[in-house]
Amino acid sequence: MIGKTELTKLSLLLHLLIVILAAATPAAGYSSDYDYYAVNEKSYFNQLILNIYVDEAGKAVVMGYVEDEDRESLSFLKTAEYLYENETKQLYALTNALTSKYGENWEINFTTETYYTEYHTIFYLPGDVRLGRITCSEGLGYFVTVSGESFVIDVQGYDVENPRTAIEYQQPFREAGVAGISISFRPGYLYLLLIIALSALTLALGIALARMKRREDARDIEAAAKAEVKRGELEIELTSEMARVMETLTDRERAIVTALLKHNGEITQADLRYETGIPKSSLTGILRSLERRKIINKKEWGRTNVIELSKWFLTKKEQR
């Protein structure tokens, strides 16, 4: 049995690892060829994928993918310590706002107030708890498994609005310690959380290496663009700041911006599809993504659209 002092040290170590992760994790670029929006211009692809690890004290480590504009729908973040990577859309959080206790009964309530085309949350609870009722809102399904020393409640759904999951459970009897303070616990589960935090830190180091590589790629992009300018292939000169913006783009997004630079910042959508070779079904979503990030503007012109580089992108100047 581990005493109160050891428990405190382990808890502080877990907290310290999360803080280190928050301080050390750099940003990384977008995944190649990822389309954020669906084919239909009136709908979009919105995704939430989270792993939620809950310990015996009701504190949770939350890690996964969430869209930037959907963070406000995660109410627990208002009181949580968290890190959010804008470019990778990865969330790392430490919170005790997801659980509540009523006598001997505990309950996890996880609710968001938005619409998702794909929703996936996985809850990990200590393996010695006694599970009670699990309720999910319309459109969600779940299944329960046991993995190692954890109960795993896997909740999934597609095209769901304001999804909600409630999980009731009871903790096992804890042996009383000094002055009636409960000090008995299973160290294995806490060590599991430490391993999770260490894995997240390893991921942060991997992202750092990826960012270094992307910086090298950015220098290559700028050098290639300047070479094209010398040959007269680009109508608009690419500054270093523009190149840094292009560094964050996927291959297809970069091809679109390069085509616009070659055509003095303006081209019809039909000609753009012909020049880049991007399928019509994918091009629509990619343009929506670029427009949302204020890199391009889209204007209707007859039976097609005119795509032009935004003033925000064109006025990106060298930072001194």
Protein backbone atom coordinates (compact mmCIF):
# COMPACT_ATOMS: atom_id res chain seq x y z
CA MET A 1 0.00 0.00 0.00
CA ILE A 2 1.29 3.46 -0.89
CA GLY A 3 0.97 6.20 1.73
CA LYS A 4 -0.54 9.65 1.45
CA THR A 5 2.86 11.28 0.81
CA GLU A 6 3.59 8.98 -2.14
CA LEU A 7 0.11 9.60 -3.58
CA THR A 8 0.66 13.35 -3.36
CA LYS A 9 4.03 13.07 -5.10
CA LEU A 10 2.60 10.97 -7.92
CA SER A 11 -0.30 13.38 -8.41
CA LEU A 12 2.09 16.33 -8.51
CA LEU A 13 4.27 14.49 -11.02
CA LEU A 14 1.27 13.92 -13.30
CA HIS A 15 0.30 17.58 -13.00
CA LEU A 16 3.89 18.66 -13.74
CA LEU A 17 4.01 16.52 -16.89
CA ILE A 18 0.83 18.13 -18.19
CA VAL A 19 2.28 21.61 -17.52
CA ILE A 20 5.54 20.63 -19.26
CA LEU A 21 3.53 19.40 -22.23
CA ALA A 22 1.66 22.70 -22.36
CA ALA A 23 4.91 24.63 -22.38
CA ALA A 24 6.83 22.41 -24.78
CA THR A 25 4.38 21.44 -27.51
CA PRO A 26 4.98 23.45 -30.71
CA ALA A 27 2.63 23.91 -33.59
CA ALA A 28 2.67 21.68 -36.65
CA GLY A 29 1.23 21.98 -40.12
CA TYR A 30 -1.92 20.50 -41.57
CA SER A 31 -1.99 16.94 -42.80
CA SER A 32 -1.49 16.59 -46.54
CA ASP A 33 -4.55 16.46 -48.79
CA TYR A 34 -7.05 16.87 -45.95
CA ASP A 35 -10.35 18.40 -47.01
CA TYR A 36 -12.13 20.11 -44.16
CA TYR A 37 -15.44 20.45 -45.90
CA ALA A 38 -17.68 17.93 -47.60
CA VAL A 39 -18.59 18.00 -51.28
CA ASN A 40 -21.85 19.81 -50.67
CA GLU A 41 -21.12 23.52 -50.23
CA LYS A 42 -24.08 23.85 -47.84
CA SER A 43 -22.70 21.29 -45.40
CA TYR A 44 -19.31 20.75 -43.84
CA PHE A 45 -17.26 18.06 -42.17
CA ASN A 46 -16.99 18.62 -38.43
CA GLN A 47 -15.21 16.10 -36.26
CA LEU A 48 -14.67 15.48 -32.53
CA ILE A 49 -12.37 12.67 -31.39
CA LEU A 50 -11.40 12.59 -27.71
CA ASN A 51 -9.88 10.15 -25.22
CA ILE A 52 -10.95 10.87 -21.63
CA TYR A 53 -9.07 9.22 -18.75
CA VAL A 54 -10.77 9.51 -15.33
CA ASP A 55 -8.94 8.67 -12.10
CA GLU A 56 -10.26 7.64 -8.67
CA ALA A 57 -10.56 11.26 -7.50
CA GLY A 58 -12.74 12.26 -10.47
CA LYS A 59 -10.01 14.20 -12.26
CA ALA A 60 -9.81 13.66 -16.01
CA VAL A 61 -7.09 13.93 -18.64
CA VAL A 62 -8.65 14.81 -22.02
CA MET A 63 -6.70 14.45 -25.26
CA GLY A 64 -7.75 14.45 -28.89
CA TYR A 65 -9.00 16.34 -31.93
CA VAL A 66 -11.49 19.22 -31.83
CA GLU A 67 -12.17 22.05 -34.29
CA ASP A 68 -11.06 25.49 -33.08
CA GLU A 69 -14.51 27.05 -33.38
CA ASP A 70 -16.02 24.19 -31.33
CA ARG A 71 -13.89 24.77 -28.24
CA GLU A 72 -16.53 27.10 -26.79
CA SER A 73 -18.99 24.20 -26.83
CA LEU A 74 -16.71 22.30 -24.40
CA SER A 75 -17.81 24.02 -21.20
CA PHE A 76 -15.30 22.14 -19.00
CA LEU A 77 -12.46 24.10 -20.64
CA LYS A 78 -13.58 27.26 -18.81
CA THR A 79 -12.05 25.91 -15.58
CA ALA A 80 -9.50 23.45 -17.01
CA GLU A 81 -5.78 23.72 -17.55
CA TYR A 82 -5.33 23.00 -21.23
CA LEU A 83 -3.25 23.41 -24.36
CA TYR A 84 -4.75 23.73 -27.84
CA GLU A 85 -2.73 23.50 -31.04
CA ASN A 86 -4.44 25.72 -33.64
CA GLU A 87 -2.86 24.07 -36.66
CA THR A 88 -3.05 20.40 -35.64
CA LYS A 89 -6.35 21.00 -33.74
CA GLN A 90 -5.09 18.82 -30.87
CA LEU A 91 -6.40 19.40 -27.35
CA TYR A 92 -4.66 18.43 -24.10
CA ALA A 93 -6.60 19.22 -20.90
CA LEU A 94 -6.67 18.44 -17.19
CA THR A 95 -10.03 18.97 -15.48
CA ASN A 96 -12.29 17.86 -12.62
CA ALA A 97 -15.41 19.46 -14.11
CA LEU A 98 -16.65 16.34 -15.92
CA THR A 99 -17.48 14.34 -12.79
CA SER A 100 -19.81 14.83 -9.85
CA LYS A 101 -20.46 12.80 -6.72
CA TYR A 102 -23.73 12.12 -4.88
CA GLY A 103 -23.10 10.07 -1.76
CA GLU A 104 -21.47 6.85 -2.95
CA ASN A 105 -22.49 7.43 -6.56
CA TRP A 106 -20.38 9.15 -9.21
CA GLU A 107 -21.48 10.45 -12.58
CA ILE A 108 -19.62 11.63 -15.68
CA ASN A 109 -21.46 14.18 -17.80
CA PHE A 110 -19.97 15.08 -21.16
CA THR A 111 -22.04 17.48 -23.27
CA THR A 112 -21.33 19.67 -26.27
CA GLU A 113 -23.66 22.17 -27.92
CA THR A 114 -22.89 21.92 -31.61
CA TYR A 115 -23.32 19.67 -34.65
CA TYR A 116 -20.86 16.93 -35.66
CA THR A 117 -20.69 14.87 -38.80
CA GLU A 118 -18.43 12.49 -36.87
CA TYR A 119 -18.40 12.14 -33.06
CA HIS A 120 -16.17 9.73 -31.14
CA THR A 121 -15.35 9.84 -27.42
CA ILE A 122 -13.70 7.06 -25.43
CA PHE A 123 -13.90 7.08 -21.63
CA TYR A 124 -11.37 5.16 -19.53
CA LEU A 125 -12.36 4.39 -15.90
CA PRO A 126 -10.49 2.43 -13.20
CA GLY A 127 -11.16 -1.29 -13.63
CA ASP A 128 -12.46 -1.82 -10.09
CA VAL A 129 -15.42 0.60 -10.34
CA ARG A 130 -18.96 -0.73 -10.56
CA LEU A 131 -20.62 0.63 -13.67
CA GLY A 132 -24.20 1.80 -13.50
CA ARG A 133 -26.50 3.27 -16.11
CA ILE A 134 -25.01 4.72 -19.30
CA THR A 135 -27.22 7.09 -21.27
CA CYS A 136 -26.50 8.75 -24.62
CA SER A 137 -28.44 11.29 -26.63
CA GLU A 138 -30.15 10.46 -29.91
CA GLY A 139 -27.82 9.33 -32.67
CA LEU A 140 -25.11 7.99 -30.33
CA GLY A 141 -24.25 4.36 -29.63
CA TYR A 142 -21.77 2.83 -27.21
CA PHE A 143 -20.10 -0.41 -26.20
CA VAL A 144 -18.15 -1.34 -23.07
CA THR A 145 -14.95 -3.37 -22.93
CA VAL A 146 -12.20 -4.09 -20.40
CA SER A 147 -8.62 -3.25 -21.34
CA GLY A 148 -5.83 -3.84 -18.84
CA GLU A 149 -6.90 -2.17 -15.62
CA SER A 150 -9.53 0.05 -17.19
CA PHE A 151 -13.17 0.00 -18.18
CA VAL A 152 -13.46 1.41 -21.70
CA ILE A 153 -16.74 3.05 -22.77
CA ASP A 154 -16.59 3.79 -26.49
CA VAL A 155 -19.23 6.27 -27.70
CA GLN A 156 -19.72 6.97 -31.41
CA GLY A 157 -22.18 8.73 -33.70
CA TYR A 158 -22.56 10.43 -37.06
CA ASP A 159 -24.55 13.54 -37.96
CA VAL A 160 -25.41 14.28 -34.33
CA GLU A 161 -26.45 17.57 -32.76
CA ASN A 162 -25.75 18.57 -29.14
CA PRO A 163 -24.46 15.08 -28.20
CA ARG A 164 -24.56 14.10 -24.53
CA THR A 165 -23.16 11.14 -22.60
CA ALA A 166 -23.82 10.34 -18.93
CA ILE A 167 -22.03 7.48 -17.14
CA GLU A 168 -22.97 6.44 -13.60
CA TYR A 169 -20.61 4.37 -11.48
CA GLN A 170 -19.54 3.57 -7.92
CA GLN A 171 -16.04 3.53 -6.53
CA PRO A 172 -14.97 0.49 -4.45
CA PHE A 173 -14.73 0.86 -0.70
CA ARG A 174 -11.57 2.76 0.27
CA GLU A 175 -9.67 1.88 3.41
CA ALA A 176 -9.66 4.74 5.93
CA GLY A 177 -6.33 6.28 6.86
CA VAL A 178 -5.20 8.83 9.41
CA ALA A 179 -7.98 11.10 10.68
CA GLY A 180 -10.48 9.25 8.50
CA ILE A 181 -8.74 10.23 5.27
CA SER A 182 -8.96 7.59 2.55
CA ILE A 183 -5.47 6.63 1.38
CA SER A 184 -6.02 3.22 -0.19
CA PHE A 185 -5.90 3.17 -3.96
CA ARG A 186 -4.67 1.11 -6.88
CA PRO A 187 -1.30 2.51 -7.96
CA GLY A 188 -1.47 0.79 -11.33
CA TYR A 189 -4.12 3.12 -12.69
CA LEU A 190 -2.26 6.26 -11.60
CA TYR A 191 0.86 4.93 -13.26
CA LEU A 192 -1.24 4.41 -16.39
CA LEU A 193 -2.07 8.12 -16.36
CA LEU A 194 1.63 8.91 -15.96
CA ILE A 195 2.41 6.73 -18.97
CA ILE A 196 -0.28 8.58 -20.94
CA ALA A 197 1.28 11.93 -20.01
CA LEU A 198 4.75 10.68 -20.99
CA SER A 199 3.36 9.44 -24.30
CA ALA A 200 1.86 12.88 -24.91
CA LEU A 201 5.24 14.46 -24.16
CA THR A 202 6.85 12.09 -26.67
CA LEU A 203 4.24 13.17 -29.20
CA ALA A 204 5.16 16.80 -28.50
CA LEU A 205 8.80 16.07 -29.29
CA GLY A 206 7.73 14.39 -32.52
CA ILE A 207 5.72 17.47 -33.46
CA ALA A 208 8.77 19.63 -32.74
CA LEU A 209 10.84 17.57 -35.18
CA ALA A 210 8.05 17.78 -37.77
CA ARG A 211 7.95 21.54 -37.37
CA MET A 212 11.69 21.78 -37.97
CA LYS A 213 11.25 19.82 -41.18
CA ARG A 214 8.40 22.09 -42.27
CA ARG A 215 10.62 25.12 -41.72
CA GLU A 216 13.13 23.58 -44.08
CA ASP A 217 10.31 22.93 -46.56
CA ALA A 218 9.24 26.57 -46.22
CA ARG A 219 12.71 27.74 -47.19
CA ASP A 220 12.55 25.43 -50.22
CA ILE A 221 9.11 26.82 -51.16
CA GLU A 222 10.37 30.41 -50.94
CA ALA A 223 13.49 29.60 -52.94
CA ALA A 224 11.46 27.87 -55.66
CA ALA A 225 9.00 30.77 -55.79
CA LYS A 226 11.80 33.32 -56.14
CA ALA A 227 13.30 31.24 -58.92
CA GLU A 228 9.95 31.29 -60.73
CA VAL A 229 9.79 35.05 -60.27
CA LYS A 230 13.19 35.40 -61.95
CA ARG A 231 11.93 33.34 -64.87
CA GLY A 232 8.84 35.52 -65.09
CA GLU A 233 6.47 32.63 -64.31
CA LEU A 234 4.81 34.37 -61.35
CA GLU A 235 2.87 37.59 -61.80
CA ILE A 236 3.03 38.38 -58.07
CA GLU A 237 6.25 38.31 -56.08
CA LEU A 238 6.14 35.99 -53.07
CA THR A 239 7.44 37.48 -49.82
CA SER A 240 8.84 35.50 -46.91
CA GLU A 241 5.63 36.13 -44.96
CA MET A 242 3.54 34.74 -47.80
CA ALA A 243 5.82 31.71 -47.91
CA ARG A 244 5.24 31.12 -44.19
CA VAL A 245 1.50 31.11 -44.80
CA MET A 246 1.97 28.65 -47.67
CA GLU A 247 4.01 26.46 -45.33
CA THR A 248 0.82 25.67 -43.39
CA LEU A 249 -1.07 24.57 -46.50
CA THR A 250 -1.58 21.09 -47.89
CA ASP A 251 -0.11 20.16 -51.28
CA ARG A 252 -3.40 20.82 -53.05
CA GLU A 253 -4.01 24.12 -51.24
CA ARG A 254 -0.50 25.24 -52.14
CA ALA A 255 -1.10 24.31 -55.79
CA ILE A 256 -4.20 26.54 -55.82
CA VAL A 257 -2.36 29.53 -54.33
CA THR A 258 0.57 29.05 -56.73
CA ALA A 259 -1.83 29.01 -59.68
CA LEU A 260 -3.38 32.25 -58.45
CA LEU A 261 0.07 33.83 -58.12
CA LYS A 262 0.80 32.86 -61.74
CA HIS A 263 -2.41 34.54 -62.91
CA ASN A 264 -1.96 37.84 -61.11
CA GLY A 265 -4.05 36.70 -58.14
CA GLU A 266 -7.26 35.93 -60.04
CA ILE A 267 -8.65 32.98 -62.00
CA THR A 268 -12.03 31.36 -62.67
CA GLN A 269 -12.86 28.22 -60.71
CA ALA A 270 -13.21 26.25 -63.95
CA ASP A 271 -9.73 27.29 -65.16
CA LEU A 272 -8.30 26.64 -61.71
CA ARG A 273 -9.61 23.06 -61.78
CA TYR A 274 -8.12 22.56 -65.23
CA GLU A 275 -4.71 23.99 -64.25
CA THR A 276 -4.30 22.18 -60.93
CA GLY A 277 -5.91 18.89 -61.96
CA ILE A 278 -7.86 18.77 -58.68
CA PRO A 279 -11.20 16.92 -59.02
CA LYS A 280 -14.29 19.10 -58.86
CA SER A 281 -15.63 17.24 -55.81
CA SER A 282 -12.44 17.99 -53.83
CA LEU A 283 -11.84 21.50 -55.17
CA THR A 284 -15.06 22.86 -53.67
CA GLY A 285 -14.10 21.82 -50.16
CA ILE A 286 -10.50 23.03 -50.48
CA LEU A 287 -11.65 26.46 -51.67
CA ARG A 288 -14.05 26.70 -48.74
CA SER A 289 -11.15 25.94 -46.38
CA LEU A 290 -8.91 28.61 -47.97
CA GLU A 291 -11.73 31.15 -47.95
CA ARG A 292 -12.43 30.46 -44.30
CA ARG A 293 -8.78 31.17 -43.48
CA LYS A 294 -8.99 34.49 -45.42
CA ILE A 295 -6.41 33.41 -48.00
CA ILE A 296 -8.79 33.70 -50.97
CA ASN A 297 -12.10 35.34 -51.88
CA LYS A 298 -14.75 33.77 -54.11
CA LYS A 299 -17.14 35.76 -56.27
CA GLU A 300 -19.95 34.56 -58.49
CA TRP A 301 -19.42 35.20 -62.21
CA GLY A 302 -22.05 33.82 -64.54
CA ARG A 303 -22.23 30.06 -64.25
CA THR A 304 -18.88 29.79 -62.48
CA ASN A 305 -16.91 31.59 -59.76
CA VAL A 306 -13.93 33.89 -59.82
CA ILE A 307 -11.27 32.98 -57.26
CA GLU A 308 -8.88 35.70 -56.13
CA LEU A 309 -6.17 36.05 -53.50
CA SER A 310 -7.33 38.08 -50.50
CA LYS A 311 -5.90 41.47 -49.56
CA TRP A 312 -4.84 39.93 -46.25
CA PHE A 313 -2.61 37.42 -48.05
CA LEU A 314 -1.29 39.88 -50.63
CA THR A 315 -0.31 42.46 -47.99
CA LYS A 316 1.75 40.03 -45.89
CA LYS A 317 5.02 41.93 -45.52
CA GLU A 318 8.38 41.02 -44.18
CA GLN A 319 8.55 41.33 -40.38
CA ARG A 320 11.46 43.40 -39.26
